[in-house]
Amino acid sequence: MAAESTQLLNLSLTKTPQGLKEIQTRSLGLGVLARRVLILVDGHRTGKELGAFVAGSDILSLLDELLRLECIALVSAPAASAVASQAQTASPSQVGLGELPSAHTRTAKDVEMARNFMTNTVNTIFGHHNRISLIEAIHACQTADELRHVYVSWAQAMESNAIGKKRLPELREKLFAVL
């Protein structure tokens, strides 16, 4: 069951002919949330992404119900793994750090500017009093090398938010000017 749950969350899902019929006829009597998830299934979104649309509800039980009723199916694994491998190569924690100049060449002012930039972007994207442990980790850094280690967490946090993910290339470019 755990492997199946992982697949439901990580692989893309698509509607079956039965699912398309259910959207038009409402013959299966799906609940509001299950119907919402069925409508949102597009062949590209993963179970985890669909879970954002039914926050507070158990996405796995909704997906299990839709699978059991044969309204949805997993997109073929090879196609999904190709998408996953593309996403993995573009992981925010792996992009660009190797191209930066040596950490020892950065001045104390550069480190302070990088620290402030990282803090301000976290506060702007997530609001104040959120991601406190990340903010504390950023403020604890005294060198560019330490900040580069925290950069991985910062980039992953940005990736977890739709606005942060969209703006990450721009933010990364500005940060790398002083990191």
N, C-alpha and C. Protein backbone atom coordinates (compact mmCIF):
# COMPACT_ATOMS: atom_id res chain seq x y z
N MET A 1 0.83 -1.20 0.00
CA MET A 1 0.00 0.00 0.00
C MET A 1 0.87 1.26 0.00
N ALA A 2 2.00 1.23 0.73
CA ALA A 2 2.87 2.41 0.79
C ALA A 2 3.44 2.73 -0.58
N ALA A 3 3.83 1.70 -1.34
CA ALA A 3 4.36 1.93 -2.68
C ALA A 3 3.28 2.50 -3.58
N GLU A 4 2.05 1.98 -3.44
CA GLU A 4 0.94 2.48 -4.24
C GLU A 4 0.63 3.93 -3.87
N SER A 5 0.68 4.26 -2.59
CA SER A 5 0.44 5.62 -2.13
C SER A 5 1.49 6.56 -2.69
N THR A 6 2.74 6.13 -2.68
CA THR A 6 3.82 6.93 -3.23
C THR A 6 3.60 7.19 -4.70
N GLN A 7 3.17 6.16 -5.43
CA GLN A 7 2.89 6.33 -6.85
C GLN A 7 1.76 7.33 -7.06
N LEU A 8 0.70 7.22 -6.26
CA LEU A 8 -0.43 8.13 -6.40
C LEU A 8 -0.01 9.58 -6.18
N LEU A 9 0.91 9.79 -5.27
CA LEU A 9 1.34 11.15 -4.97
C LEU A 9 2.37 11.68 -5.95
N ASN A 10 3.20 10.80 -6.51
CA ASN A 10 4.33 11.26 -7.32
C ASN A 10 4.15 11.12 -8.82
N LEU A 11 3.22 10.29 -9.26
CA LEU A 11 3.01 10.13 -10.70
C LEU A 11 1.82 10.96 -11.15
N SER A 12 1.84 11.33 -12.42
CA SER A 12 0.72 12.07 -12.99
C SER A 12 -0.48 11.16 -13.15
N LEU A 13 -1.65 11.76 -13.09
CA LEU A 13 -2.90 11.01 -13.21
C LEU A 13 -3.69 11.53 -14.40
N THR A 14 -4.46 10.64 -15.02
CA THR A 14 -5.28 11.02 -16.16
C THR A 14 -6.69 10.47 -15.98
N LYS A 15 -7.66 11.10 -16.65
CA LYS A 15 -9.04 10.63 -16.60
C LYS A 15 -9.19 9.43 -17.54
N THR A 16 -10.02 8.50 -17.15
CA THR A 16 -10.38 7.37 -18.01
C THR A 16 -11.69 7.72 -18.71
N PRO A 17 -12.11 6.92 -19.69
CA PRO A 17 -13.42 7.16 -20.31
C PRO A 17 -14.54 7.16 -19.26
N GLN A 18 -14.42 6.28 -18.25
CA GLN A 18 -15.41 6.26 -17.17
C GLN A 18 -15.41 7.59 -16.41
N GLY A 19 -14.23 8.17 -16.20
CA GLY A 19 -14.12 9.45 -15.51
C GLY A 19 -14.74 10.58 -16.32
N LEU A 20 -14.50 10.57 -17.62
CA LEU A 20 -15.11 11.58 -18.49
C LEU A 20 -16.63 11.47 -18.48
N LYS A 21 -17.12 10.23 -18.49
CA LYS A 21 -18.56 9.99 -18.44
C LYS A 21 -19.14 10.49 -17.12
N GLU A 22 -18.42 10.24 -16.02
CA GLU A 22 -18.89 10.67 -14.70
C GLU A 22 -18.99 12.19 -14.62
N ILE A 23 -18.07 12.90 -15.22
CA ILE A 23 -18.12 14.36 -15.21
C ILE A 23 -19.40 14.85 -15.89
N GLN A 24 -19.78 14.20 -16.98
CA GLN A 24 -20.97 14.63 -17.73
C GLN A 24 -22.27 14.18 -17.08
N THR A 25 -22.31 12.96 -16.53
CA THR A 25 -23.58 12.39 -16.08
C THR A 25 -23.79 12.39 -14.57
N ARG A 26 -22.73 12.46 -13.79
CA ARG A 26 -22.81 12.38 -12.32
C ARG A 26 -23.50 11.10 -11.87
N SER A 27 -23.30 10.03 -12.59
CA SER A 27 -24.01 8.78 -12.30
C SER A 27 -23.46 8.02 -11.10
N LEU A 28 -22.22 8.26 -10.71
CA LEU A 28 -21.62 7.51 -9.60
C LEU A 28 -21.87 8.16 -8.24
N GLY A 29 -22.40 9.35 -8.24
CA GLY A 29 -22.70 10.02 -6.98
C GLY A 29 -21.47 10.37 -6.16
N LEU A 30 -20.44 10.86 -6.81
CA LEU A 30 -19.21 11.25 -6.11
C LEU A 30 -19.48 12.42 -5.17
N GLY A 31 -18.71 12.47 -4.09
CA GLY A 31 -18.77 13.60 -3.19
C GLY A 31 -18.18 14.84 -3.84
N VAL A 32 -18.38 15.98 -3.22
CA VAL A 32 -17.93 17.25 -3.79
C VAL A 32 -16.41 17.25 -4.01
N LEU A 33 -15.65 16.82 -3.00
CA LEU A 33 -14.19 16.85 -3.12
C LEU A 33 -13.68 15.85 -4.14
N ALA A 34 -14.25 14.65 -4.16
CA ALA A 34 -13.83 13.65 -5.14
C ALA A 34 -14.12 14.15 -6.55
N ARG A 35 -15.26 14.78 -6.73
CA ARG A 35 -15.61 15.32 -8.05
C ARG A 35 -14.65 16.45 -8.44
N ARG A 36 -14.31 17.30 -7.48
CA ARG A 36 -13.37 18.38 -7.74
C ARG A 36 -12.02 17.82 -8.21
N VAL A 37 -11.54 16.80 -7.51
CA VAL A 37 -10.26 16.19 -7.89
C VAL A 37 -10.37 15.58 -9.28
N LEU A 38 -11.47 14.88 -9.56
CA LEU A 38 -11.66 14.27 -10.88
C LEU A 38 -11.62 15.33 -11.97
N ILE A 39 -12.29 16.43 -11.76
CA ILE A 39 -12.30 17.51 -12.76
C ILE A 39 -10.90 18.07 -12.97
N LEU A 40 -10.12 18.16 -11.91
CA LEU A 40 -8.78 18.75 -11.99
C LEU A 40 -7.72 17.81 -12.57
N VAL A 41 -8.01 16.52 -12.61
CA VAL A 41 -7.06 15.56 -13.19
C VAL A 41 -6.91 15.90 -14.67
N ASP A 42 -5.67 16.12 -15.10
CA ASP A 42 -5.44 16.56 -16.48
C ASP A 42 -4.34 15.79 -17.21
N GLY A 43 -3.79 14.77 -16.59
CA GLY A 43 -2.72 14.02 -17.23
C GLY A 43 -1.34 14.58 -16.95
N HIS A 44 -1.28 15.74 -16.29
CA HIS A 44 0.00 16.37 -15.99
C HIS A 44 0.23 16.50 -14.49
N ARG A 45 -0.81 16.78 -13.74
CA ARG A 45 -0.67 16.98 -12.29
C ARG A 45 -0.48 15.66 -11.56
N THR A 46 0.35 15.71 -10.52
CA THR A 46 0.55 14.54 -9.66
C THR A 46 -0.48 14.58 -8.54
N GLY A 47 -0.58 13.49 -7.80
CA GLY A 47 -1.48 13.45 -6.66
C GLY A 47 -1.14 14.51 -5.64
N LYS A 48 0.16 14.76 -5.44
CA LYS A 48 0.60 15.77 -4.49
C LYS A 48 0.12 17.16 -4.92
N GLU A 49 0.23 17.45 -6.21
CA GLU A 49 -0.23 18.74 -6.72
C GLU A 49 -1.74 18.88 -6.61
N LEU A 50 -2.46 17.79 -6.86
CA LEU A 50 -3.92 17.82 -6.73
C LEU A 50 -4.33 18.02 -5.28
N GLY A 51 -3.53 17.54 -4.35
CA GLY A 51 -3.82 17.69 -2.93
C GLY A 51 -3.92 19.14 -2.50
N ALA A 52 -3.24 20.03 -3.20
CA ALA A 52 -3.31 21.45 -2.86
C ALA A 52 -4.71 22.02 -3.08
N PHE A 53 -5.48 21.40 -3.95
CA PHE A 53 -6.82 21.90 -4.26
C PHE A 53 -7.87 21.41 -3.26
N VAL A 54 -7.51 20.47 -2.43
CA VAL A 54 -8.44 19.96 -1.41
C VAL A 54 -7.74 19.97 -0.05
N ALA A 55 -7.11 21.09 0.26
CA ALA A 55 -6.36 21.21 1.51
C ALA A 55 -7.25 20.86 2.70
N GLY A 56 -6.69 20.14 3.62
CA GLY A 56 -7.42 19.73 4.80
C GLY A 56 -8.13 18.40 4.64
N SER A 57 -8.15 17.87 3.43
CA SER A 57 -8.77 16.56 3.18
C SER A 57 -7.68 15.56 2.81
N ASP A 58 -7.98 14.30 2.98
CA ASP A 58 -7.02 13.24 2.68
C ASP A 58 -7.05 12.95 1.18
N ILE A 59 -6.06 13.46 0.47
CA ILE A 59 -6.01 13.28 -0.99
C ILE A 59 -5.88 11.82 -1.36
N LEU A 60 -5.17 11.04 -0.54
CA LEU A 60 -4.99 9.62 -0.87
C LEU A 60 -6.32 8.87 -0.89
N SER A 61 -7.19 9.15 0.06
CA SER A 61 -8.49 8.45 0.08
C SER A 61 -9.34 8.87 -1.12
N LEU A 62 -9.26 10.15 -1.50
CA LEU A 62 -10.01 10.61 -2.67
C LEU A 62 -9.49 9.95 -3.94
N LEU A 63 -8.17 9.88 -4.07
CA LEU A 63 -7.58 9.25 -5.26
C LEU A 63 -7.86 7.75 -5.28
N ASP A 64 -7.81 7.11 -4.11
CA ASP A 64 -8.14 5.68 -4.02
C ASP A 64 -9.57 5.43 -4.49
N GLU A 65 -10.48 6.29 -4.05
CA GLU A 65 -11.89 6.14 -4.46
C GLU A 65 -12.03 6.28 -5.97
N LEU A 66 -11.37 7.29 -6.54
CA LEU A 66 -11.46 7.50 -7.99
C LEU A 66 -10.80 6.36 -8.77
N LEU A 67 -9.71 5.81 -8.24
CA LEU A 67 -9.07 4.66 -8.88
C LEU A 67 -9.97 3.43 -8.80
N ARG A 68 -10.55 3.21 -7.63
CA ARG A 68 -11.43 2.05 -7.43
C ARG A 68 -12.63 2.10 -8.37
N LEU A 69 -13.15 3.30 -8.60
CA LEU A 69 -14.30 3.47 -9.50
C LEU A 69 -13.86 3.55 -10.97
N GLU A 70 -12.55 3.44 -11.21
CA GLU A 70 -11.96 3.48 -12.55
C GLU A 70 -12.24 4.80 -13.27
N CYS A 71 -12.25 5.89 -12.51
CA CYS A 71 -12.43 7.22 -13.09
C CYS A 71 -11.10 7.84 -13.49
N ILE A 72 -10.02 7.40 -12.84
CA ILE A 72 -8.68 7.90 -13.15
C ILE A 72 -7.72 6.73 -13.27
N ALA A 73 -6.58 7.01 -13.88
CA ALA A 73 -5.52 6.01 -14.01
C ALA A 73 -4.18 6.73 -13.91
N LEU A 74 -3.16 5.99 -13.53
CA LEU A 74 -1.81 6.54 -13.49
C LEU A 74 -1.30 6.69 -14.91
N VAL A 75 -0.63 7.81 -15.18
CA VAL A 75 0.01 7.99 -16.47
C VAL A 75 1.16 7.00 -16.54
N SER A 76 1.46 6.49 -17.71
CA SER A 76 2.50 5.45 -17.84
C SER A 76 3.78 5.89 -17.15
N ALA A 77 4.37 4.98 -16.40
CA ALA A 77 5.55 5.27 -15.59
C ALA A 77 6.73 5.80 -16.39
N PRO A 78 7.04 5.28 -17.61
CA PRO A 78 8.19 5.83 -18.32
C PRO A 78 8.06 7.31 -18.62
N ALA A 79 6.88 7.76 -18.99
CA ALA A 79 6.70 9.18 -19.28
C ALA A 79 6.86 9.99 -18.00
N ALA A 80 6.30 9.50 -16.92
CA ALA A 80 6.39 10.21 -15.65
C ALA A 80 7.83 10.23 -15.15
N SER A 81 8.57 9.13 -15.33
CA SER A 81 9.94 9.12 -14.85
C SER A 81 10.82 10.05 -15.67
N ALA A 82 10.48 10.24 -16.95
CA ALA A 82 11.23 11.19 -17.77
C ALA A 82 11.01 12.61 -17.24
N VAL A 83 9.78 12.93 -16.87
CA VAL A 83 9.49 14.24 -16.29
C VAL A 83 10.23 14.40 -14.97
N ALA A 84 10.23 13.35 -14.16
CA ALA A 84 10.91 13.40 -12.86
C ALA A 84 12.41 13.60 -13.05
N SER A 85 13.00 12.94 -14.03
CA SER A 85 14.43 13.09 -14.24
C SER A 85 14.77 14.49 -14.72
N GLN A 86 13.88 15.10 -15.54
CA GLN A 86 14.09 16.48 -15.96
C GLN A 86 14.02 17.41 -14.76
N ALA A 87 13.04 17.19 -13.91
CA ALA A 87 12.89 18.02 -12.73
C ALA A 87 14.08 17.85 -11.80
N GLN A 88 14.60 16.63 -11.73
CA GLN A 88 15.73 16.37 -10.84
C GLN A 88 16.98 17.10 -11.34
N THR A 89 17.19 17.15 -12.65
CA THR A 89 18.38 17.82 -13.16
C THR A 89 18.29 19.32 -12.94
N ALA A 90 17.08 19.86 -12.84
CA ALA A 90 16.91 21.28 -12.63
C ALA A 90 16.62 21.61 -11.17
N SER A 91 17.00 20.71 -10.27
CA SER A 91 16.74 20.91 -8.85
C SER A 91 17.38 22.22 -8.39
N PRO A 92 16.66 23.01 -7.61
CA PRO A 92 17.18 24.31 -7.21
C PRO A 92 18.47 24.21 -6.41
N SER A 93 18.64 23.12 -5.69
CA SER A 93 19.83 23.00 -4.86
C SER A 93 21.07 22.67 -5.68
N GLN A 94 20.89 22.26 -6.93
CA GLN A 94 22.03 21.88 -7.75
C GLN A 94 22.38 22.93 -8.80
N VAL A 95 21.53 23.92 -8.97
CA VAL A 95 21.72 24.89 -10.04
C VAL A 95 22.64 26.02 -9.59
N GLY A 96 23.73 26.22 -10.31
CA GLY A 96 24.53 27.41 -10.20
C GLY A 96 25.57 27.52 -9.11
N LEU A 97 25.50 26.75 -8.05
CA LEU A 97 26.47 26.93 -6.97
C LEU A 97 27.90 26.68 -7.42
N GLY A 98 28.09 25.74 -8.32
CA GLY A 98 29.43 25.42 -8.80
C GLY A 98 30.04 26.54 -9.63
N GLU A 99 29.20 27.41 -10.18
CA GLU A 99 29.68 28.49 -11.03
C GLU A 99 30.07 29.74 -10.24
N LEU A 100 29.78 29.76 -8.96
CA LEU A 100 30.08 30.94 -8.15
C LEU A 100 31.57 31.04 -7.87
N PRO A 101 32.05 32.27 -7.69
CA PRO A 101 33.46 32.43 -7.30
C PRO A 101 33.69 31.85 -5.91
N SER A 102 34.92 31.65 -5.56
CA SER A 102 35.26 31.08 -4.26
C SER A 102 34.61 31.89 -3.14
N ALA A 103 34.13 31.18 -2.13
CA ALA A 103 33.46 31.84 -1.00
C ALA A 103 34.40 32.79 -0.27
N HIS A 104 35.69 32.54 -0.34
CA HIS A 104 36.66 33.37 0.36
C HIS A 104 36.82 34.74 -0.28
N THR A 105 36.36 34.89 -1.54
CA THR A 105 36.48 36.17 -2.22
C THR A 105 35.36 37.13 -1.84
N ARG A 106 34.34 36.65 -1.15
CA ARG A 106 33.21 37.50 -0.75
C ARG A 106 33.55 38.27 0.52
N THR A 107 33.19 39.55 0.51
CA THR A 107 33.45 40.40 1.67
C THR A 107 32.34 40.23 2.71
N ALA A 108 32.59 40.79 3.88
CA ALA A 108 31.58 40.73 4.95
C ALA A 108 30.30 41.45 4.50
N LYS A 109 30.47 42.52 3.72
CA LYS A 109 29.31 43.25 3.21
C LYS A 109 28.51 42.38 2.25
N ASP A 110 29.20 41.62 1.39
CA ASP A 110 28.52 40.70 0.47
C ASP A 110 27.72 39.65 1.24
N VAL A 111 28.33 39.11 2.29
CA VAL A 111 27.65 38.09 3.10
C VAL A 111 26.42 38.69 3.77
N GLU A 112 26.56 39.90 4.29
CA GLU A 112 25.41 40.56 4.93
C GLU A 112 24.30 40.83 3.90
N MET A 113 24.69 41.28 2.72
CA MET A 113 23.69 41.53 1.67
C MET A 113 22.98 40.23 1.27
N ALA A 114 23.72 39.15 1.14
CA ALA A 114 23.13 37.86 0.79
C ALA A 114 22.19 37.38 1.89
N ARG A 115 22.62 37.54 3.14
CA ARG A 115 21.78 37.15 4.27
C ARG A 115 20.48 37.95 4.28
N ASN A 116 20.58 39.26 4.08
CA ASN A 116 19.39 40.11 4.05
C ASN A 116 18.48 39.76 2.88
N PHE A 117 19.07 39.50 1.73
CA PHE A 117 18.28 39.15 0.55
C PHE A 117 17.50 37.86 0.78
N MET A 118 18.19 36.85 1.32
CA MET A 118 17.53 35.57 1.58
C MET A 118 16.40 35.74 2.60
N THR A 119 16.65 36.51 3.65
CA THR A 119 15.63 36.75 4.67
C THR A 119 14.44 37.49 4.09
N ASN A 120 14.71 38.55 3.33
CA ASN A 120 13.63 39.34 2.76
C ASN A 120 12.79 38.54 1.77
N THR A 121 13.42 37.69 0.97
CA THR A 121 12.63 36.90 0.02
C THR A 121 11.76 35.89 0.74
N VAL A 122 12.28 35.27 1.79
CA VAL A 122 11.46 34.32 2.56
C VAL A 122 10.27 35.05 3.19
N ASN A 123 10.53 36.22 3.78
CA ASN A 123 9.44 36.97 4.41
C ASN A 123 8.43 37.47 3.37
N THR A 124 8.88 37.84 2.20
CA THR A 124 7.97 38.32 1.16
C THR A 124 7.12 37.19 0.61
N ILE A 125 7.72 36.06 0.33
CA ILE A 125 7.00 34.94 -0.27
C ILE A 125 6.09 34.25 0.74
N PHE A 126 6.57 34.04 1.95
CA PHE A 126 5.82 33.25 2.94
C PHE A 126 5.18 34.08 4.04
N GLY A 127 5.51 35.36 4.12
CA GLY A 127 4.97 36.19 5.19
C GLY A 127 5.86 36.11 6.42
N HIS A 128 5.71 37.11 7.28
CA HIS A 128 6.50 37.14 8.51
C HIS A 128 6.04 36.04 9.45
N HIS A 129 6.92 35.57 10.26
CA HIS A 129 6.66 34.53 11.27
C HIS A 129 6.37 33.18 10.64
N ASN A 130 6.78 32.97 9.41
CA ASN A 130 6.71 31.66 8.77
C ASN A 130 8.12 31.27 8.38
N ARG A 131 8.35 29.99 8.31
CA ARG A 131 9.69 29.48 7.98
C ARG A 131 10.74 30.01 8.95
N ILE A 132 10.40 30.02 10.22
CA ILE A 132 11.27 30.57 11.26
C ILE A 132 12.61 29.84 11.31
N SER A 133 12.59 28.51 11.20
CA SER A 133 13.85 27.77 11.29
C SER A 133 14.78 28.13 10.13
N LEU A 134 14.22 28.39 8.96
CA LEU A 134 15.04 28.80 7.82
C LEU A 134 15.62 30.19 8.07
N ILE A 135 14.81 31.10 8.57
CA ILE A 135 15.29 32.46 8.88
C ILE A 135 16.41 32.40 9.93
N GLU A 136 16.23 31.57 10.95
CA GLU A 136 17.26 31.43 11.99
C GLU A 136 18.54 30.85 11.41
N ALA A 137 18.41 29.88 10.51
CA ALA A 137 19.60 29.28 9.89
C ALA A 137 20.33 30.32 9.04
N ILE A 138 19.58 31.15 8.34
CA ILE A 138 20.19 32.20 7.51
C ILE A 138 20.94 33.18 8.41
N HIS A 139 20.30 33.62 9.49
CA HIS A 139 20.93 34.61 10.38
C HIS A 139 22.13 34.04 11.13
N ALA A 140 22.20 32.74 11.31
CA ALA A 140 23.32 32.12 12.01
C ALA A 140 24.58 32.07 11.15
N CYS A 141 24.43 32.23 9.85
CA CYS A 141 25.57 32.14 8.93
C CYS A 141 26.45 33.38 9.04
N GLN A 142 27.75 33.14 9.15
CA GLN A 142 28.70 34.24 9.25
C GLN A 142 29.61 34.33 8.03
N THR A 143 29.63 33.28 7.20
CA THR A 143 30.50 33.28 6.02
C THR A 143 29.68 32.94 4.78
N ALA A 144 30.24 33.25 3.63
CA ALA A 144 29.58 32.91 2.37
C ALA A 144 29.45 31.40 2.22
N ASP A 145 30.44 30.67 2.71
CA ASP A 145 30.39 29.21 2.63
C ASP A 145 29.21 28.65 3.43
N GLU A 146 28.99 29.18 4.62
CA GLU A 146 27.86 28.74 5.44
C GLU A 146 26.54 29.09 4.75
N LEU A 147 26.46 30.28 4.16
CA LEU A 147 25.24 30.68 3.46
C LEU A 147 24.98 29.79 2.25
N ARG A 148 26.03 29.35 1.59
CA ARG A 148 25.86 28.46 0.44
C ARG A 148 25.27 27.12 0.86
N HIS A 149 25.58 26.68 2.07
CA HIS A 149 24.97 25.44 2.57
C HIS A 149 23.48 25.66 2.86
N VAL A 150 23.13 26.82 3.40
CA VAL A 150 21.73 27.14 3.70
C VAL A 150 20.96 27.44 2.41
N TYR A 151 21.68 27.84 1.36
CA TYR A 151 21.04 28.13 0.08
C TYR A 151 20.17 26.97 -0.39
N VAL A 152 20.62 25.74 -0.17
CA VAL A 152 19.86 24.56 -0.60
C VAL A 152 18.47 24.58 0.04
N SER A 153 18.40 24.83 1.33
CA SER A 153 17.10 24.90 2.03
C SER A 153 16.28 26.08 1.54
N TRP A 154 16.94 27.20 1.31
CA TRP A 154 16.25 28.40 0.82
C TRP A 154 15.63 28.12 -0.54
N ALA A 155 16.40 27.52 -1.45
CA ALA A 155 15.90 27.23 -2.79
C ALA A 155 14.75 26.22 -2.74
N GLN A 156 14.86 25.22 -1.88
CA GLN A 156 13.77 24.24 -1.76
C GLN A 156 12.52 24.90 -1.21
N ALA A 157 12.67 25.82 -0.28
CA ALA A 157 11.51 26.55 0.25
C ALA A 157 10.86 27.37 -0.85
N MET A 158 11.67 28.05 -1.65
CA MET A 158 11.12 28.84 -2.75
C MET A 158 10.38 27.95 -3.75
N GLU A 159 10.93 26.77 -4.02
CA GLU A 159 10.30 25.82 -4.94
C GLU A 159 8.96 25.32 -4.42
N SER A 160 8.76 25.35 -3.11
CA SER A 160 7.53 24.80 -2.54
C SER A 160 6.35 25.76 -2.65
N ASN A 161 6.58 26.96 -3.12
CA ASN A 161 5.54 27.97 -3.25
C ASN A 161 5.40 28.35 -4.72
N ALA A 162 4.18 28.50 -5.21
CA ALA A 162 3.96 28.78 -6.63
C ALA A 162 4.65 30.08 -7.06
N ILE A 163 4.51 31.13 -6.27
CA ILE A 163 5.13 32.41 -6.63
C ILE A 163 6.64 32.30 -6.52
N GLY A 164 7.12 31.67 -5.45
CA GLY A 164 8.55 31.48 -5.28
C GLY A 164 9.16 30.68 -6.41
N LYS A 165 8.46 29.63 -6.83
CA LYS A 165 8.95 28.79 -7.92
C LYS A 165 9.04 29.58 -9.22
N LYS A 166 8.04 30.41 -9.46
CA LYS A 166 8.02 31.22 -10.68
C LYS A 166 9.16 32.24 -10.69
N ARG A 167 9.42 32.83 -9.53
CA ARG A 167 10.42 33.89 -9.44
C ARG A 167 11.82 33.38 -9.12
N LEU A 168 11.97 32.08 -8.86
CA LEU A 168 13.26 31.55 -8.41
C LEU A 168 14.43 31.87 -9.35
N PRO A 169 14.30 31.74 -10.67
CA PRO A 169 15.46 32.08 -11.52
C PRO A 169 15.91 33.54 -11.34
N GLU A 170 14.96 34.45 -11.26
CA GLU A 170 15.29 35.87 -11.07
C GLU A 170 15.92 36.10 -9.69
N LEU A 171 15.34 35.50 -8.66
CA LEU A 171 15.86 35.66 -7.31
C LEU A 171 17.24 35.04 -7.17
N ARG A 172 17.44 33.87 -7.80
CA ARG A 172 18.73 33.20 -7.75
C ARG A 172 19.81 34.08 -8.38
N GLU A 173 19.49 34.68 -9.51
CA GLU A 173 20.46 35.54 -10.20
C GLU A 173 20.88 36.71 -9.30
N LYS A 174 19.92 37.33 -8.65
CA LYS A 174 20.23 38.45 -7.76
C LYS A 174 21.04 37.99 -6.55
N LEU A 175 20.67 36.85 -5.99
CA LEU A 175 21.39 36.32 -4.83
C LEU A 175 22.82 35.95 -5.19
N PHE A 176 23.00 35.32 -6.34
CA PHE A 176 24.33 34.87 -6.74
C PHE A 176 25.29 36.04 -6.99
N ALA A 177 24.77 37.24 -7.18
CA ALA A 177 25.64 38.41 -7.35
C ALA A 177 26.43 38.70 -6.07
N VAL A 178 25.88 38.29 -4.92
CA VAL A 178 26.57 38.57 -3.65
C VAL A 178 26.92 37.31 -2.87
N LEU A 179 26.42 36.16 -3.29
CA LEU A 179 26.69 34.91 -2.58
C LEU A 179 27.99 34.36 -3.09
